[in-house]
Amino acid sequence: MDFNKYIIIGLTVLALVSSEIKAADECFEKTSRAIFKFNMAFDGAILEPIAKGYNKLPQTIKNGTSNFTSNIATLLSIPNHIVQGNLKGAGDATASFLINTTIGIIGLANPAEKLGFKAQQEDVGQTLGAYGFGPGCYLVLPILGPSTARDTIGIVADSFVDPFAHITWREKEMLGISGSQLDYLTVKGTTAVDFRADNALNLDSLEKNSVDLYASFKSLYLQNRENKINNSSENEDDWGSLDK
């Protein structure tokens, strides 16, 4: 598979789409609303009950789980910081991962933050945004949730850039380490449960008070992505990372 060819084609289409379509424009609203309805049903039947059970665990276990998944996510941030030209960010993320993986016992603790290394999470969608690519069409993906044309291409590219995805989802060996797709799905699923549990009250409040829940999620997602591209922490204290 010629990955570079598909990336060039994808970026060309993205550049054309982004020049014509504003962030708020809907290209597939009926389809997106149908998928959103499915996602909400999936949340109510599976994710929310698991999150409620997860919230009953001791806080130390929840903190350890959150630290572990965040530490793995740092691996994706390192190459994106480099491509963005943010060498300080890349250095902080690398130091954070190494310290937390060793002293922090495979990332269950976060001593790096106490030492002043706070790894800011970055992905390919953010990198494209930093280089001026507009979001293009807004859409909703099954299970994965809100996205845009730019971020959807970014999700695919992430699986090639992210070392963790490379050795698990793509089942390649790196530095003598390898894993399986089950490992990847387990970590991503745990990340989703952790996020859902942390934001249970916020999500319940949003669902009760929104006239149009679909539009509310769309607004929150686009604002969150814009904040991340601009390296702003606005609203992150209340909601965490909305695109986990």
C-alpha atoms as a PDB file:
ATOM      1  CA  MET A   1       0.000   0.000   0.000  1.00  0.00           C
ATOM      2  CA  ASP A   2       1.478   3.362  -1.083  1.00  0.00           C
ATOM      3  CA  PHE A   3       0.555   5.413   1.980  1.00  0.00           C
ATOM      4  CA  ASN A   4       2.233   8.597   0.709  1.00  0.00           C
ATOM      5  CA  LYS A   5       0.104   8.535  -2.451  1.00  0.00           C
ATOM      6  CA  TYR A   6      -3.123   8.329  -0.464  1.00  0.00           C
ATOM      7  CA  ILE A   7      -2.012  11.089   1.910  1.00  0.00           C
ATOM      8  CA  ILE A   8      -1.194  13.411  -1.019  1.00  0.00           C
ATOM      9  CA  ILE A   9      -4.584  12.698  -2.602  1.00  0.00           C
ATOM     10  CA  GLY A  10      -6.324  13.218   0.748  1.00  0.00           C
ATOM     11  CA  LEU A  11      -4.549  16.505   1.437  1.00  0.00           C
ATOM     12  CA  THR A  12      -5.303  17.748  -2.094  1.00  0.00           C
ATOM     13  CA  VAL A  13      -9.011  17.018  -1.647  1.00  0.00           C
ATOM     14  CA  LEU A  14      -8.884  18.561   1.803  1.00  0.00           C
ATOM     15  CA  ALA A  15      -7.274  21.735   0.505  1.00  0.00           C
ATOM     16  CA  LEU A  16      -9.979  22.078  -2.158  1.00  0.00           C
ATOM     17  CA  VAL A  17     -12.789  21.355   0.306  1.00  0.00           C
ATOM     18  CA  SER A  18     -11.392  23.680   2.960  1.00  0.00           C
ATOM     19  CA  SER A  19     -11.171  26.589   0.538  1.00  0.00           C
ATOM     20  CA  GLU A  20     -14.876  26.363  -0.298  1.00  0.00           C
ATOM     21  CA  ILE A  21     -16.522  25.212   2.931  1.00  0.00           C
ATOM     22  CA  LYS A  22     -16.716  26.971   6.267  1.00  0.00           C
ATOM     23  CA  ALA A  23     -16.359  25.135   9.569  1.00  0.00           C
ATOM     24  CA  ALA A  24     -20.056  25.354  10.364  1.00  0.00           C
ATOM     25  CA  ASP A  25     -21.193  24.079   6.958  1.00  0.00           C
ATOM     26  CA  GLU A  26     -22.922  20.701   6.855  1.00  0.00           C
ATOM     27  CA  CYS A  27     -22.385  18.482   3.851  1.00  0.00           C
ATOM     28  CA  PHE A  28     -24.098  15.374   5.182  1.00  0.00           C
ATOM     29  CA  GLU A  29     -26.440  16.687   7.887  1.00  0.00           C
ATOM     30  CA  LYS A  30     -29.164  14.067   7.487  1.00  0.00           C
ATOM     31  CA  THR A  31     -26.633  11.248   7.562  1.00  0.00           C
ATOM     32  CA  SER A  32     -24.707  12.850  10.423  1.00  0.00           C
ATOM     33  CA  ARG A  33     -27.864  13.257  12.489  1.00  0.00           C
ATOM     34  CA  ALA A  34     -28.766   9.606  11.887  1.00  0.00           C
ATOM     35  CA  ILE A  35     -25.288   8.501  12.969  1.00  0.00           C
ATOM     36  CA  PHE A  36     -25.472  10.831  15.972  1.00  0.00           C
ATOM     37  CA  LYS A  37     -28.748   9.175  16.990  1.00  0.00           C
ATOM     38  CA  PHE A  38     -27.084   5.758  16.698  1.00  0.00           C
ATOM     39  CA  ASN A  39     -24.114   6.957  18.757  1.00  0.00           C
ATOM     40  CA  MET A  40     -26.413   8.251  21.504  1.00  0.00           C
ATOM     41  CA  ALA A  41     -28.198   4.882  21.584  1.00  0.00           C
ATOM     42  CA  PHE A  42     -24.820   3.128  21.804  1.00  0.00           C
ATOM     43  CA  ASP A  43     -23.823   5.451  24.643  1.00  0.00           C
ATOM     44  CA  GLY A  44     -27.029   4.816  26.553  1.00  0.00           C
ATOM     45  CA  ALA A  45     -26.923   1.050  26.117  1.00  0.00           C
ATOM     46  CA  ILE A  46     -23.198   0.362  26.552  1.00  0.00           C
ATOM     47  CA  LEU A  47     -20.848   3.243  27.321  1.00  0.00           C
ATOM     48  CA  GLU A  48     -22.863   5.036  30.007  1.00  0.00           C
ATOM     49  CA  PRO A  49     -23.520   1.885  32.128  1.00  0.00           C
ATOM     50  CA  ILE A  50     -19.827   0.945  31.946  1.00  0.00           C
ATOM     51  CA  ALA A  51     -18.845   4.498  32.907  1.00  0.00           C
ATOM     52  CA  LYS A  52     -21.194   4.406  35.915  1.00  0.00           C
ATOM     53  CA  GLY A  53     -19.574   1.186  37.087  1.00  0.00           C
ATOM     54  CA  TYR A  54     -16.127   2.672  36.482  1.00  0.00           C
ATOM     55  CA  ASN A  55     -17.020   5.683  38.646  1.00  0.00           C
ATOM     56  CA  LYS A  56     -17.606   3.350  41.581  1.00  0.00           C
ATOM     57  CA  LEU A  57     -13.969   2.229  41.545  1.00  0.00           C
ATOM     58  CA  PRO A  58     -11.527   3.724  44.088  1.00  0.00           C
ATOM     59  CA  GLN A  59     -10.155   7.093  43.008  1.00  0.00           C
ATOM     60  CA  THR A  60      -6.587   5.767  43.008  1.00  0.00           C
ATOM     61  CA  ILE A  61      -7.499   3.184  40.359  1.00  0.00           C
ATOM     62  CA  LYS A  62      -9.284   5.803  38.250  1.00  0.00           C
ATOM     63  CA  ASN A  63      -6.327   8.177  38.518  1.00  0.00           C
ATOM     64  CA  GLY A  64      -3.911   5.416  37.545  1.00  0.00           C
ATOM     65  CA  THR A  65      -6.023   4.456  34.534  1.00  0.00           C
ATOM     66  CA  SER A  66      -6.290   8.066  33.375  1.00  0.00           C
ATOM     67  CA  ASN A  67      -2.553   8.591  33.799  1.00  0.00           C
ATOM     68  CA  PHE A  68      -1.765   5.389  31.892  1.00  0.00           C
ATOM     69  CA  THR A  69      -3.917   6.223  28.844  1.00  0.00           C
ATOM     70  CA  SER A  70      -2.723   9.843  28.802  1.00  0.00           C
ATOM     71  CA  ASN A  71       0.879   8.679  28.882  1.00  0.00           C
ATOM     72  CA  ILE A  72       0.343   6.442  25.851  1.00  0.00           C
ATOM     73  CA  ALA A  73      -1.365   9.335  24.038  1.00  0.00           C
ATOM     74  CA  THR A  74       1.821  11.354  24.542  1.00  0.00           C
ATOM     75  CA  LEU A  75       3.545   9.142  21.954  1.00  0.00           C
ATOM     76  CA  LEU A  76       1.355  10.633  19.213  1.00  0.00           C
ATOM     77  CA  SER A  77       2.096  14.165  20.437  1.00  0.00           C
ATOM     78  CA  ILE A  78       5.874  13.910  20.031  1.00  0.00           C
ATOM     79  CA  PRO A  79       6.063  13.620  16.195  1.00  0.00           C
ATOM     80  CA  ASN A  80       3.279  16.190  15.782  1.00  0.00           C
ATOM     81  CA  HIS A  81       5.147  18.722  17.929  1.00  0.00           C
ATOM     82  CA  ILE A  82       8.220  18.131  15.752  1.00  0.00           C
ATOM     83  CA  VAL A  83       6.320  18.600  12.471  1.00  0.00           C
ATOM     84  CA  GLN A  84       4.788  21.797  13.866  1.00  0.00           C
ATOM     85  CA  GLY A  85       8.265  23.067  14.681  1.00  0.00           C
ATOM     86  CA  ASN A  86       7.548  23.116  18.405  1.00  0.00           C
ATOM     87  CA  LEU A  87      10.784  21.555  19.651  1.00  0.00           C
ATOM     88  CA  LYS A  88      10.136  22.604  23.254  1.00  0.00           C
ATOM     89  CA  GLY A  89       6.776  20.844  23.157  1.00  0.00           C
ATOM     90  CA  ALA A  90       8.418  17.759  21.659  1.00  0.00           C
ATOM     91  CA  GLY A  91      11.086  17.816  24.357  1.00  0.00           C
ATOM     92  CA  ASP A  92       8.548  18.202  27.167  1.00  0.00           C
ATOM     93  CA  ALA A  93       6.386  15.397  25.754  1.00  0.00           C
ATOM     94  CA  THR A  94       9.405  13.087  25.373  1.00  0.00           C
ATOM     95  CA  ALA A  95      10.609  13.823  28.901  1.00  0.00           C
ATOM     96  CA  SER A  96       7.092  13.346  30.254  1.00  0.00           C
ATOM     97  CA  PHE A  97       6.723   9.948  28.561  1.00  0.00           C
ATOM     98  CA  LEU A  98      10.138   8.672  29.663  1.00  0.00           C
ATOM     99  CA  ILE A  99       9.741   9.834  33.269  1.00  0.00           C
ATOM    100  CA  ASN A 100       6.190   8.547  33.647  1.00  0.00           C
ATOM    101  CA  THR A 101       6.961   5.227  31.949  1.00  0.00           C
ATOM    102  CA  THR A 102       9.928   4.557  34.236  1.00  0.00           C
ATOM    103  CA  ILE A 103       9.591   6.371  37.544  1.00  0.00           C
ATOM    104  CA  GLY A 104       5.809   6.514  37.141  1.00  0.00           C
ATOM    105  CA  ILE A 105       5.558   2.725  36.687  1.00  0.00           C
ATOM    106  CA  ILE A 106       4.402   2.390  33.039  1.00  0.00           C
ATOM    107  CA  GLY A 107       2.493   5.637  33.348  1.00  0.00           C
ATOM    108  CA  LEU A 108       0.239   4.768  36.272  1.00  0.00           C
ATOM    109  CA  ALA A 109       1.605   7.816  38.099  1.00  0.00           C
ATOM    110  CA  ASN A 110       2.438  11.256  36.711  1.00  0.00           C
ATOM    111  CA  PRO A 111       5.660  12.435  38.384  1.00  0.00           C
ATOM    112  CA  ALA A 112       6.615  14.327  35.196  1.00  0.00           C
ATOM    113  CA  GLU A 113       3.920  16.921  35.805  1.00  0.00           C
ATOM    114  CA  LYS A 114       5.262  17.570  39.318  1.00  0.00           C
ATOM    115  CA  LEU A 115       8.675  18.135  37.732  1.00  0.00           C
ATOM    116  CA  GLY A 116       7.188  20.731  35.361  1.00  0.00           C
ATOM    117  CA  PHE A 117       6.785  18.587  32.237  1.00  0.00           C
ATOM    118  CA  LYS A 118       3.171  18.863  31.118  1.00  0.00           C
ATOM    119  CA  ALA A 119       2.699  17.069  27.815  1.00  0.00           C
ATOM    120  CA  GLN A 120       0.213  18.889  25.599  1.00  0.00           C
ATOM    121  CA  GLN A 121      -1.642  16.395  23.427  1.00  0.00           C
ATOM    122  CA  GLU A 122      -1.351  16.888  19.673  1.00  0.00           C
ATOM    123  CA  ASP A 123      -2.598  14.886  16.702  1.00  0.00           C
ATOM    124  CA  VAL A 124      -2.373  15.086  12.915  1.00  0.00           C
ATOM    125  CA  GLY A 125      -5.682  16.970  12.658  1.00  0.00           C
ATOM    126  CA  GLN A 126      -4.249  19.692  14.902  1.00  0.00           C
ATOM    127  CA  THR A 127      -1.028  19.741  12.895  1.00  0.00           C
ATOM    128  CA  LEU A 128      -2.976  20.230   9.659  1.00  0.00           C
ATOM    129  CA  GLY A 129      -4.925  23.033  11.331  1.00  0.00           C
ATOM    130  CA  ALA A 130      -1.687  24.642  12.501  1.00  0.00           C
ATOM    131  CA  TYR A 131      -0.529  24.697   8.853  1.00  0.00           C
ATOM    132  CA  GLY A 132      -3.668  26.532   7.796  1.00  0.00           C
ATOM    133  CA  PHE A 133      -5.883  23.694   6.567  1.00  0.00           C
ATOM    134  CA  GLY A 134      -9.511  24.534   7.288  1.00  0.00           C
ATOM    135  CA  PRO A 135     -11.805  21.957   8.886  1.00  0.00           C
ATOM    136  CA  GLY A 136     -13.980  21.446   5.821  1.00  0.00           C
ATOM    137  CA  CYS A 137     -17.302  19.636   6.194  1.00  0.00           C
ATOM    138  CA  TYR A 138     -18.571  18.819   9.670  1.00  0.00           C
ATOM    139  CA  LEU A 139     -19.674  15.205  10.034  1.00  0.00           C
ATOM    140  CA  VAL A 140     -20.345  12.551  12.665  1.00  0.00           C
ATOM    141  CA  LEU A 141     -18.532   9.215  12.554  1.00  0.00           C
ATOM    142  CA  PRO A 142     -20.021   5.962  13.934  1.00  0.00           C
ATOM    143  CA  ILE A 143     -18.828   5.376  17.523  1.00  0.00           C
ATOM    144  CA  LEU A 144     -15.991   7.916  17.118  1.00  0.00           C
ATOM    145  CA  GLY A 145     -18.406  10.841  17.161  1.00  0.00           C
ATOM    146  CA  PRO A 146     -18.013  14.444  15.908  1.00  0.00           C
ATOM    147  CA  SER A 147     -15.352  15.169  13.289  1.00  0.00           C
ATOM    148  CA  THR A 148     -14.542  17.251  10.225  1.00  0.00           C
ATOM    149  CA  ALA A 149     -13.054  16.428   6.823  1.00  0.00           C
ATOM    150  CA  ARG A 150      -9.636  17.541   8.092  1.00  0.00           C
ATOM    151  CA  ASP A 151      -9.850  15.621  11.370  1.00  0.00           C
ATOM    152  CA  THR A 152     -11.114  12.464   9.663  1.00  0.00           C
ATOM    153  CA  ILE A 153      -8.046  12.419   7.415  1.00  0.00           C
ATOM    154  CA  GLY A 154      -6.053  13.111  10.579  1.00  0.00           C
ATOM    155  CA  ILE A 155      -7.512  10.037  12.296  1.00  0.00           C
ATOM    156  CA  VAL A 156      -6.293   7.819   9.452  1.00  0.00           C
ATOM    157  CA  ALA A 157      -2.871   9.479   9.427  1.00  0.00           C
ATOM    158  CA  ASP A 158      -2.614   9.114  13.216  1.00  0.00           C
ATOM    159  CA  SER A 159      -2.459   5.341  12.850  1.00  0.00           C
ATOM    160  CA  PHE A 160       0.745   5.725  10.822  1.00  0.00           C
ATOM    161  CA  VAL A 161       2.344   8.511  12.867  1.00  0.00           C
ATOM    162  CA  ASP A 162       1.502   7.219  16.350  1.00  0.00           C
ATOM    163  CA  PRO A 163       4.187   4.724  17.542  1.00  0.00           C
ATOM    164  CA  PHE A 164       1.617   2.978  19.759  1.00  0.00           C
ATOM    165  CA  ALA A 165      -0.782   2.494  16.834  1.00  0.00           C
ATOM    166  CA  HIS A 166       2.146   1.349  14.688  1.00  0.00           C
ATOM    167  CA  ILE A 167       3.077  -1.522  17.010  1.00  0.00           C
ATOM    168  CA  THR A 168      -0.496  -2.480  17.913  1.00  0.00           C
ATOM    169  CA  TRP A 169      -3.117  -1.614  15.286  1.00  0.00           C
ATOM    170  CA  ARG A 170      -0.644  -2.108  12.428  1.00  0.00           C
ATOM    171  CA  GLU A 171       1.092  -4.945  14.289  1.00  0.00           C
ATOM    172  CA  LYS A 172       4.603  -3.787  13.378  1.00  0.00           C
ATOM    173  CA  GLU A 173       7.690  -4.206  15.524  1.00  0.00           C
ATOM    174  CA  MET A 174       9.518  -1.161  16.841  1.00  0.00           C
ATOM    175  CA  LEU A 175      12.614  -1.337  19.055  1.00  0.00           C
ATOM    176  CA  GLY A 176      11.818  -4.969  19.743  1.00  0.00           C
ATOM    177  CA  ILE A 177       8.313  -4.123  20.963  1.00  0.00           C
ATOM    178  CA  SER A 178       5.113  -5.301  19.303  1.00  0.00           C
ATOM    179  CA  GLY A 179       1.462  -5.681  20.176  1.00  0.00           C
ATOM    180  CA  SER A 180      -1.923  -6.480  18.681  1.00  0.00           C
ATOM    181  CA  GLN A 181      -5.048  -4.688  17.523  1.00  0.00           C
ATOM    182  CA  LEU A 182      -6.749  -5.887  20.700  1.00  0.00           C
ATOM    183  CA  ASP A 183      -4.195  -3.916  22.738  1.00  0.00           C
ATOM    184  CA  TYR A 184      -4.997  -0.791  20.710  1.00  0.00           C
ATOM    185  CA  LEU A 185      -8.756  -1.194  21.046  1.00  0.00           C
ATOM    186  CA  THR A 186      -8.462  -1.893  24.776  1.00  0.00           C
ATOM    187  CA  VAL A 187      -6.538   1.327  25.425  1.00  0.00           C
ATOM    188  CA  LYS A 188      -8.819   3.410  23.206  1.00  0.00           C
ATOM    189  CA  GLY A 189     -11.905   1.878  24.807  1.00  0.00           C
ATOM    190  CA  THR A 190     -10.542   2.549  28.283  1.00  0.00           C
ATOM    191  CA  THR A 191      -9.798   6.150  27.288  1.00  0.00           C
ATOM    192  CA  ALA A 192     -13.403   6.594  26.126  1.00  0.00           C
ATOM    193  CA  VAL A 193     -14.806   5.106  29.344  1.00  0.00           C
ATOM    194  CA  ASP A 194     -12.521   7.304  31.455  1.00  0.00           C
ATOM    195  CA  PHE A 195     -13.643  10.419  29.577  1.00  0.00           C
ATOM    196  CA  ARG A 196     -17.325   9.408  29.761  1.00  0.00           C
ATOM    197  CA  ALA A 197     -17.048   8.819  33.511  1.00  0.00           C
ATOM    198  CA  ASP A 198     -15.232  12.108  34.172  1.00  0.00           C
ATOM    199  CA  ASN A 199     -17.843  14.085  32.260  1.00  0.00           C
ATOM    200  CA  ALA A 200     -21.000  12.253  33.311  1.00  0.00           C
ATOM    201  CA  LEU A 201     -22.565  15.296  34.993  1.00  0.00           C
ATOM    202  CA  ASN A 202     -21.617  17.643  32.147  1.00  0.00           C
ATOM    203  CA  LEU A 203     -23.086  15.320  29.536  1.00  0.00           C
ATOM    204  CA  ASP A 204     -26.289  14.772  31.515  1.00  0.00           C
ATOM    205  CA  SER A 205     -26.703  18.530  31.944  1.00  0.00           C
ATOM    206  CA  LEU A 206     -26.092  19.144  28.257  1.00  0.00           C
ATOM    207  CA  GLU A 207     -28.655  16.519  27.277  1.00  0.00           C
ATOM    208  CA  LYS A 208     -31.304  17.952  29.621  1.00  0.00           C
ATOM    209  CA  ASN A 209     -30.790  21.603  28.710  1.00  0.00           C
ATOM    210  CA  SER A 210     -30.144  21.483  24.959  1.00  0.00           C
ATOM    211  CA  VAL A 211     -32.926  22.331  22.541  1.00  0.00           C
ATOM    212  CA  ASP A 212     -30.921  20.605  19.798  1.00  0.00           C
ATOM    213  CA  LEU A 213     -28.388  18.172  21.295  1.00  0.00           C
ATOM    214  CA  TYR A 214     -26.799  17.498  17.908  1.00  0.00           C
ATOM    215  CA  ALA A 215     -26.100  21.206  17.396  1.00  0.00           C
ATOM    216  CA  SER A 216     -24.751  21.534  20.950  1.00  0.00           C
ATOM    217  CA  PHE A 217     -22.252  18.709  20.440  1.00  0.00           C
ATOM    218  CA  LYS A 218     -21.245  20.204  17.109  1.00  0.00           C
ATOM    219  CA  SER A 219     -20.585  23.609  18.662  1.00  0.00           C
ATOM    220  CA  LEU A 220     -18.589  22.142  21.548  1.00  0.00           C
ATOM    221  CA  TYR A 221     -16.505  19.958  19.270  1.00  0.00           C
ATOM    222  CA  LEU A 222     -15.608  22.739  16.815  1.00  0.00           C
ATOM    223  CA  GLN A 223     -14.758  25.119  19.647  1.00  0.00           C
ATOM    224  CA  ASN A 224     -12.632  22.494  21.381  1.00  0.00           C
ATOM    225  CA  ARG A 225     -10.681  21.693  18.210  1.00  0.00           C
ATOM    226  CA  GLU A 226     -10.099  25.381  17.509  1.00  0.00           C
ATOM    227  CA  ASN A 227      -8.815  25.861  21.060  1.00  0.00           C
ATOM    228  CA  LYS A 228      -6.438  22.930  20.646  1.00  0.00           C
ATOM    229  CA  ILE A 229      -5.073  24.189  17.331  1.00  0.00           C
ATOM    230  CA  ASN A 230      -4.482  27.596  18.932  1.00  0.00           C
ATOM    231  CA  ASN A 231      -2.964  25.925  22.031  1.00  0.00           C
ATOM    232  CA  SER A 232      -5.663  27.428  24.212  1.00  0.00           C
ATOM    233  CA  SER A 233      -6.837  25.717  27.417  1.00  0.00           C
ATOM    234  CA  GLU A 234     -10.217  27.485  27.444  1.00  0.00           C
ATOM    235  CA  ASN A 235     -13.050  25.211  28.669  1.00  0.00           C
ATOM    236  CA  GLU A 236     -10.646  22.300  29.184  1.00  0.00           C
ATOM    237  CA  ASP A 237     -10.963  22.362  32.965  1.00  0.00           C
ATOM    238  CA  ASP A 238     -14.687  21.602  32.717  1.00  0.00           C
ATOM    239  CA  TRP A 239     -14.727  19.196  29.812  1.00  0.00           C
ATOM    240  CA  GLY A 240     -11.258  17.747  29.428  1.00  0.00           C
ATOM    241  CA  SER A 241     -10.456  16.577  25.926  1.00  0.00           C
ATOM    242  CA  LEU A 242     -13.710  16.430  23.984  1.00  0.00           C
ATOM    243  CA  ASP A 243     -12.102  14.440  21.132  1.00  0.00           C
ATOM    244  CA  LYS A 244     -10.749  11.546  23.152  1.00  0.00           C
END
